[in-house]
Protein backbone atom coordinates (compact mmCIF):
# COMPACT_ATOMS: atom_id res chain seq x y z
CA MET A 1 -40.46 2.75 42.27
CA SER A 2 -39.83 2.54 38.50
CA LEU A 3 -37.88 5.09 36.48
CA ASP A 4 -38.41 5.94 32.84
CA ARG A 5 -35.44 5.81 30.48
CA ALA A 6 -34.93 9.60 30.30
CA THR A 7 -34.80 9.93 34.09
CA LEU A 8 -32.41 6.99 34.40
CA GLU A 9 -30.03 8.41 31.77
CA ALA A 10 -30.03 11.78 33.51
CA LEU A 11 -29.13 10.15 36.84
CA VAL A 12 -26.30 8.18 35.25
CA ARG A 13 -24.89 11.33 33.66
CA GLU A 14 -24.94 13.14 37.00
CA VAL A 15 -23.18 10.29 38.79
CA VAL A 16 -20.47 10.03 36.12
CA LYS A 17 -20.00 13.79 36.07
CA SER A 18 -19.75 13.91 39.86
CA SER A 19 -17.23 11.01 39.94
CA LEU A 20 -15.01 12.50 37.26
CA GLY A 21 -15.10 15.91 38.88
CA ALA A 22 -14.14 14.56 42.32
CA SER A 23 -11.22 12.50 41.03
CA SER A 24 -9.72 15.19 38.85
CA SER A 25 -10.41 18.33 40.85
CA SER A 26 -7.16 18.23 42.82
CA SER A 27 -4.94 17.51 39.82
CA SER A 28 -6.63 19.90 37.44
CA SER A 29 -7.34 22.87 39.71
CA SER A 30 -3.99 24.52 39.03
CA ALA A 31 -4.26 23.85 35.28
CA ALA A 32 -7.79 25.19 35.22
CA ALA A 33 -6.73 28.29 37.10
CA ALA A 34 -3.96 28.89 34.56
CA ALA A 35 -6.33 28.32 31.66
CA GLU A 36 -9.10 30.62 32.93
CA PRO A 37 -8.37 34.35 32.56
CA ASP A 38 -8.16 36.23 35.87
CA PRO A 39 -10.60 39.21 35.71
CA ALA A 40 -8.47 41.09 38.20
CA ARG A 41 -5.41 40.87 35.98
CA CYS A 42 -7.09 41.08 32.56
CA ASP A 43 -7.36 44.21 30.50
CA ASP A 44 -9.27 44.66 27.26
CA HIS A 45 -6.84 42.32 25.48
CA CYS A 46 -8.19 39.19 27.26
CA ALA A 47 -10.08 37.05 24.75
CA PRO A 48 -13.20 35.11 25.76
CA PRO A 49 -12.79 31.31 25.99
CA VAL A 50 -13.23 29.51 22.66
CA ARG A 51 -16.11 27.08 22.43
CA ARG A 52 -15.50 24.02 20.27
CA GLU A 53 -18.55 23.36 18.16
CA ARG A 54 -19.26 19.80 17.00
CA ILE A 55 -19.71 19.50 13.25
CA ALA A 56 -23.07 17.90 12.65
CA ASP A 57 -23.82 18.39 8.96
CA PRO A 58 -24.90 14.89 7.85
CA VAL A 59 -24.71 15.81 4.16
CA GLU A 60 -21.10 16.99 4.41
CA VAL A 61 -20.11 14.03 6.57
CA GLN A 62 -21.57 11.61 4.03
CA ARG A 63 -19.74 13.38 1.20
CA VAL A 64 -16.41 12.98 3.01
CA VAL A 65 -17.08 9.31 3.80
CA GLU A 66 -17.94 8.50 0.18
CA ALA A 67 -14.83 10.29 -1.12
CA SER A 68 -12.41 7.83 0.49
CA PRO A 69 -12.16 4.12 1.32
CA SER A 70 -10.65 5.15 4.67
CA ARG A 71 -12.57 4.44 7.86
CA LEU A 72 -14.10 7.85 8.56
CA ALA A 73 -16.97 8.96 10.81
CA GLN A 74 -17.40 5.47 12.28
CA GLY A 75 -19.23 6.67 15.37
CA ARG A 76 -18.94 5.11 18.82
CA VAL A 77 -20.88 3.77 21.74
CA GLY A 78 -19.11 4.88 24.88
CA THR A 79 -15.47 3.94 24.33
CA ARG A 80 -16.03 1.31 21.65
CA TYR A 81 -17.05 1.05 18.00
CA THR A 82 -20.67 0.74 17.07
CA THR A 83 -21.74 -2.82 16.32
CA LYS A 84 -22.05 -2.03 12.62
CA ALA A 85 -18.52 -0.58 12.47
CA TYR A 86 -17.07 -3.51 14.43
CA VAL A 87 -18.67 -6.10 12.16
CA GLN A 88 -17.41 -4.23 9.10
CA LEU A 89 -13.90 -4.10 10.61
CA ARG A 90 -13.89 -7.87 11.13
CA ALA A 91 -15.17 -8.44 7.60
CA GLU A 92 -12.43 -6.28 6.09
CA HIS A 93 -9.81 -8.05 8.21
CA ALA A 94 -11.10 -11.36 6.83
CA ILE A 95 -10.65 -10.05 3.27
CA ALA A 96 -7.00 -9.27 4.03
CA LEU A 97 -6.40 -12.71 5.56
CA ASP A 98 -8.06 -14.46 2.61
CA ALA A 99 -5.85 -12.51 0.20
CA VAL A 100 -2.63 -13.51 1.99
CA HIS A 101 -3.61 -17.19 1.90
CA SER A 102 -5.01 -17.17 -1.63
CA ARG A 103 -3.48 -19.34 -4.38
CA ILE A 104 -3.00 -18.58 -8.06
CA ALA A 105 -4.86 -20.85 -10.50
CA ASP A 106 -2.76 -23.59 -12.10
CA ASP A 107 -3.57 -22.43 -15.64
CA PHE A 108 -2.95 -18.73 -14.94
CA ALA A 109 0.48 -18.54 -16.64
CA THR A 110 -0.67 -20.48 -19.69
CA LYS A 111 -3.69 -18.25 -20.28
CA LEU A 112 -1.50 -15.11 -20.29
CA GLY A 113 1.33 -16.62 -22.35
CA LEU A 114 3.85 -16.50 -19.49
CA ILE A 115 6.79 -18.81 -18.81
CA PRO A 116 5.84 -20.57 -15.52
CA LEU A 117 8.52 -20.51 -12.83
CA SER A 118 8.72 -21.19 -9.09
CA THR A 119 10.94 -20.03 -6.26
CA LYS A 120 12.71 -22.19 -3.70
CA ALA A 121 9.70 -21.99 -1.38
CA LYS A 122 8.26 -25.52 -1.36
CA ASP A 123 4.76 -24.43 -0.38
CA HIS A 124 2.78 -21.37 0.66
CA ALA A 125 3.49 -21.83 4.37
CA GLU A 126 7.26 -21.84 3.78
CA TYR A 127 6.89 -18.83 1.51
CA LEU A 128 5.18 -16.83 4.26
CA LEU A 129 7.55 -17.94 7.04
CA HIS A 130 10.84 -17.68 5.11
CA PRO A 131 10.88 -14.64 2.80
CA ASP A 132 14.37 -15.38 1.42
CA GLN A 133 13.05 -18.56 -0.19
CA GLY A 134 10.84 -16.40 -2.38
CA ARG A 135 13.77 -14.34 -3.70
CA ARG A 136 15.52 -17.14 -5.63
CA LEU A 137 14.31 -19.56 -8.29
CA ASP A 138 14.43 -23.29 -7.79
CA ASP A 139 16.81 -25.33 -9.99
CA ALA A 140 14.13 -26.48 -12.46
CA SER A 141 12.92 -22.90 -13.00
CA ARG A 142 16.44 -21.60 -13.56
CA GLU A 143 16.96 -24.22 -16.25
CA ARG A 144 13.60 -23.49 -17.90
CA LEU A 145 14.28 -19.75 -17.88
CA GLN A 146 17.69 -20.20 -19.52
CA LYS A 147 16.11 -22.29 -22.29
CA GLN A 148 12.89 -20.35 -22.92
CA GLY A 149 13.67 -16.80 -21.79
CA THR A 150 14.72 -13.89 -24.00
CA MET A 151 18.33 -12.83 -23.59
CA GLY A 152 19.49 -9.19 -23.59
CA ALA A 153 16.10 -7.46 -23.83
CA ASP A 154 15.60 -3.89 -22.66
CA VAL A 155 12.80 -4.94 -20.33
CA VAL A 156 11.62 -8.27 -18.96
CA VAL A 157 8.18 -8.16 -17.34
CA ILE A 158 7.61 -10.56 -14.44
CA VAL A 159 4.27 -11.43 -12.83
CA GLY A 160 4.50 -12.74 -9.26
CA ASP A 161 1.74 -13.88 -6.94
CA GLY A 162 3.33 -12.12 -3.96
CA LEU A 163 1.21 -11.67 -0.85
CA SER A 164 -2.08 -11.52 -2.73
CA ALA A 165 -2.78 -13.94 -5.54
CA VAL A 166 -6.27 -12.44 -5.67
CA ALA A 167 -4.81 -9.08 -6.72
CA VAL A 168 -2.67 -10.65 -9.45
CA GLU A 169 -5.54 -12.68 -10.92
CA LYS A 170 -7.77 -9.60 -10.94
CA GLN A 171 -5.35 -6.89 -12.13
CA ALA A 172 -2.67 -8.61 -14.24
CA PRO A 173 -4.90 -9.61 -17.22
CA THR A 174 -5.57 -5.90 -17.80
CA LEU A 175 -2.29 -4.44 -16.61
CA LEU A 176 0.12 -6.77 -18.45
CA PRO A 177 -1.00 -6.10 -22.06
CA ALA A 178 -1.43 -2.40 -21.33
CA LEU A 179 2.10 -2.25 -19.91
CA GLN A 180 3.61 -4.14 -22.84
CA SER A 181 1.92 -1.76 -25.28
CA ALA A 182 3.05 1.32 -23.34
CA LEU A 183 6.66 0.07 -23.15
CA LYS A 184 6.78 -0.63 -26.88
CA SER A 185 5.49 2.86 -27.58
CA GLN A 186 8.50 4.16 -25.62
CA GLY A 187 10.82 2.21 -27.95
CA PHE A 188 11.81 -0.63 -25.58
CA SER A 189 12.48 -4.20 -26.70
CA LEU A 190 10.63 -6.73 -24.54
CA GLY A 191 11.53 -10.24 -23.49
CA THR A 192 9.00 -13.03 -23.11
CA PRO A 193 7.15 -12.31 -19.86
CA VAL A 194 7.36 -14.83 -17.02
CA PHE A 195 5.23 -15.85 -14.05
CA VAL A 196 6.75 -16.76 -10.68
CA ARG A 197 4.85 -18.68 -8.02
CA HIS A 198 5.68 -17.83 -4.37
CA ALA A 199 7.48 -14.69 -5.52
CA ARG A 200 9.06 -11.96 -3.46
CA ILE A 201 10.16 -8.72 -5.10
CA GLY A 202 13.84 -9.69 -5.01
CA VAL A 203 13.33 -12.55 -7.45
CA GLN A 204 13.43 -9.96 -10.24
CA ASP A 205 17.16 -9.54 -9.51
CA GLU A 206 18.02 -13.15 -10.31
CA ILE A 207 15.78 -13.25 -13.37
CA GLY A 208 17.41 -10.09 -14.72
CA VAL A 209 20.88 -11.54 -14.17
CA ILE A 210 20.07 -14.88 -15.82
CA LEU A 211 18.56 -13.20 -18.89
CA ARG A 212 21.16 -10.39 -18.97
CA ALA A 213 18.28 -7.92 -19.23
CA LYS A 214 18.87 -4.19 -19.06
CA SER A 215 15.91 -3.84 -16.71
CA THR A 216 13.10 -5.80 -15.11
CA ILE A 217 9.58 -4.97 -13.99
CA ILE A 218 7.69 -7.17 -11.54
CA LEU A 219 3.94 -6.98 -11.03
CA VAL A 220 3.27 -8.45 -7.61
CA GLY A 221 0.39 -8.75 -5.17
CA GLU A 222 0.73 -6.24 -2.33
CA ARG A 223 0.60 -7.03 1.36
CA PRO A 224 -3.14 -6.43 1.86
CA GLY A 225 -4.66 -3.97 4.27
CA LEU A 226 -8.20 -3.88 5.64
CA GLY A 227 -10.56 -4.64 2.79
CA THR A 228 -7.85 -4.12 0.13
CA GLY A 229 -6.91 -7.62 -0.97
CA ASP A 230 -7.07 -6.74 -4.67
CA SER A 231 -4.21 -4.20 -4.75
CA LEU A 232 -1.09 -4.82 -6.85
CA SER A 233 2.33 -3.10 -6.99
CA ILE A 234 4.83 -2.52 -9.81
CA TYR A 235 8.56 -2.57 -8.99
CA THR A 236 11.16 -1.52 -11.57
CA ALA A 237 14.89 -2.29 -11.53
CA PHE A 238 17.60 -1.03 -13.90
CA ASN A 239 20.84 -2.92 -14.54
CA PRO A 240 19.67 -5.79 -12.27
CA ARG A 241 22.09 -7.69 -10.06
CA LEU A 242 21.75 -10.06 -7.13
CA GLY A 243 20.88 -8.27 -3.92
CA GLN A 244 20.31 -4.94 -5.66
CA ASP A 245 19.51 -2.24 -3.11
CA ASN A 246 15.90 -1.10 -2.99
CA ALA A 247 17.13 2.50 -3.13
CA GLU A 248 17.89 1.84 -6.81
CA LYS A 249 14.35 0.68 -7.54
CA ASN A 250 11.01 2.40 -8.00
CA CYS A 251 7.52 1.36 -7.00
CA ILE A 252 4.04 2.19 -8.23
CA SER A 253 1.56 0.90 -5.66
CA ASN A 254 -2.18 0.57 -5.11
CA VAL A 255 -2.83 -0.55 -8.68
CA ARG A 256 -6.54 -1.35 -8.78
CA ASP A 257 -9.72 0.28 -9.99
CA LEU A 258 -10.33 2.02 -6.65
CA GLY A 259 -6.72 3.29 -6.51
CA PHE A 260 -4.41 3.66 -9.54
CA PRO A 261 -6.35 2.14 -12.48
CA PRO A 262 -4.26 -0.49 -14.33
CA ALA A 263 -4.38 1.25 -17.72
CA GLU A 264 -3.12 4.52 -16.22
CA ALA A 265 -0.50 2.75 -14.12
CA ALA A 266 0.86 1.06 -17.26
CA VAL A 267 1.40 4.40 -19.01
CA GLU A 268 3.02 5.89 -15.89
CA CYS A 269 5.34 2.90 -15.56
CA ALA A 270 6.48 3.18 -19.19
CA LYS A 271 7.27 6.88 -18.67
CA LEU A 272 9.17 5.99 -15.50
CA MET A 273 11.26 3.45 -17.40
CA ARG A 274 12.12 6.01 -20.07
CA ARG A 275 13.31 8.42 -17.36
CA THR A 276 15.27 5.59 -15.74
CA PHE A 277 17.09 4.67 -18.96
CA ASP A 278 17.81 8.33 -19.72
CA ALA A 279 19.23 8.84 -16.20
CA GLY A 280 21.25 5.62 -16.27
CA GLY A 281 19.56 4.27 -13.14
CA GLY A 282 16.40 4.24 -11.08
CA GLY A 283 15.51 5.10 -7.51
CA VAL A 284 17.87 7.70 -6.08
CA HIS A 285 19.45 8.17 -9.52
CA LEU A 286 16.26 9.90 -10.64
CA VAL A 287 16.63 12.56 -7.93
CA ARG A 288 18.70 15.49 -9.14
CA PRO A 289 19.53 18.51 -6.95
CA THR A 290 18.40 21.91 -8.15
CA ARG A 291 20.93 24.41 -9.52
CA ASP A 292 20.82 26.48 -6.32
CA ILE A 293 21.54 23.49 -4.10
CA SER A 294 24.42 22.37 -6.32
CA ARG A 295 25.93 25.84 -6.21
CA ARG A 296 25.66 25.98 -2.42
CA VAL A 297 27.30 22.60 -2.02
CA ALA A 298 30.13 23.65 -4.34
CA MET A 299 30.70 26.80 -2.29
């Protein structure tokens, strides 16, 4: 005897329903009894059970999906992703992996007029496995920076490849000149910008100390997420010193066209630096308690 698809699906549903009901009846009977109102004990105040309706407006769902790069309304087949969603997930994971292992072009620093420097990390593998090696310059770079860098500037801008060279190559050519222009409009003196290969954020501390800069700003490739290998971050540090605590620094993240557009991020960063100089420090120094809180603490 052959069964058509509709009949077969109906049989499967009945079997699953029967199996689930038999296995959970003993454990859920007391909970179900507590959840269901007892007609003998209910008065007029008993509310009818609430039915949860499934939202099925395809137009509204599509609007929500298109409003965010987040993985929304992916759908499922049983307990797993749909094939389309799974393939997309793997593709976006590949983008993140490619970004982490990407390399900056050899002529990148020259094209942007940056002083080329390198950290103590001998290669990309060592950079990924030993983060501390990316927080200090190698001897040759220290010597070059002392000879070619600008001493005593208000701000030194640093470009570092970080964990996504792709992001730096894509965003820095637009962000760097916009940031320099915005900083100058705020009245800051700028040192010659530098580029650091195999850079971690902490390398800005040593560069600031060597150049005796009042502050440093590093533009660095972010640790990529799914499908977001082109995102860059800006970290600012005032009165730099070796091992400066991150609580004294500020970060503007997700700098890319789909997130915080580079031109807008540059203006915001310049305003942040003005606030930092006025407050005499960044990070927690920019947080000031309100008058009411101060009065309460004093009491």
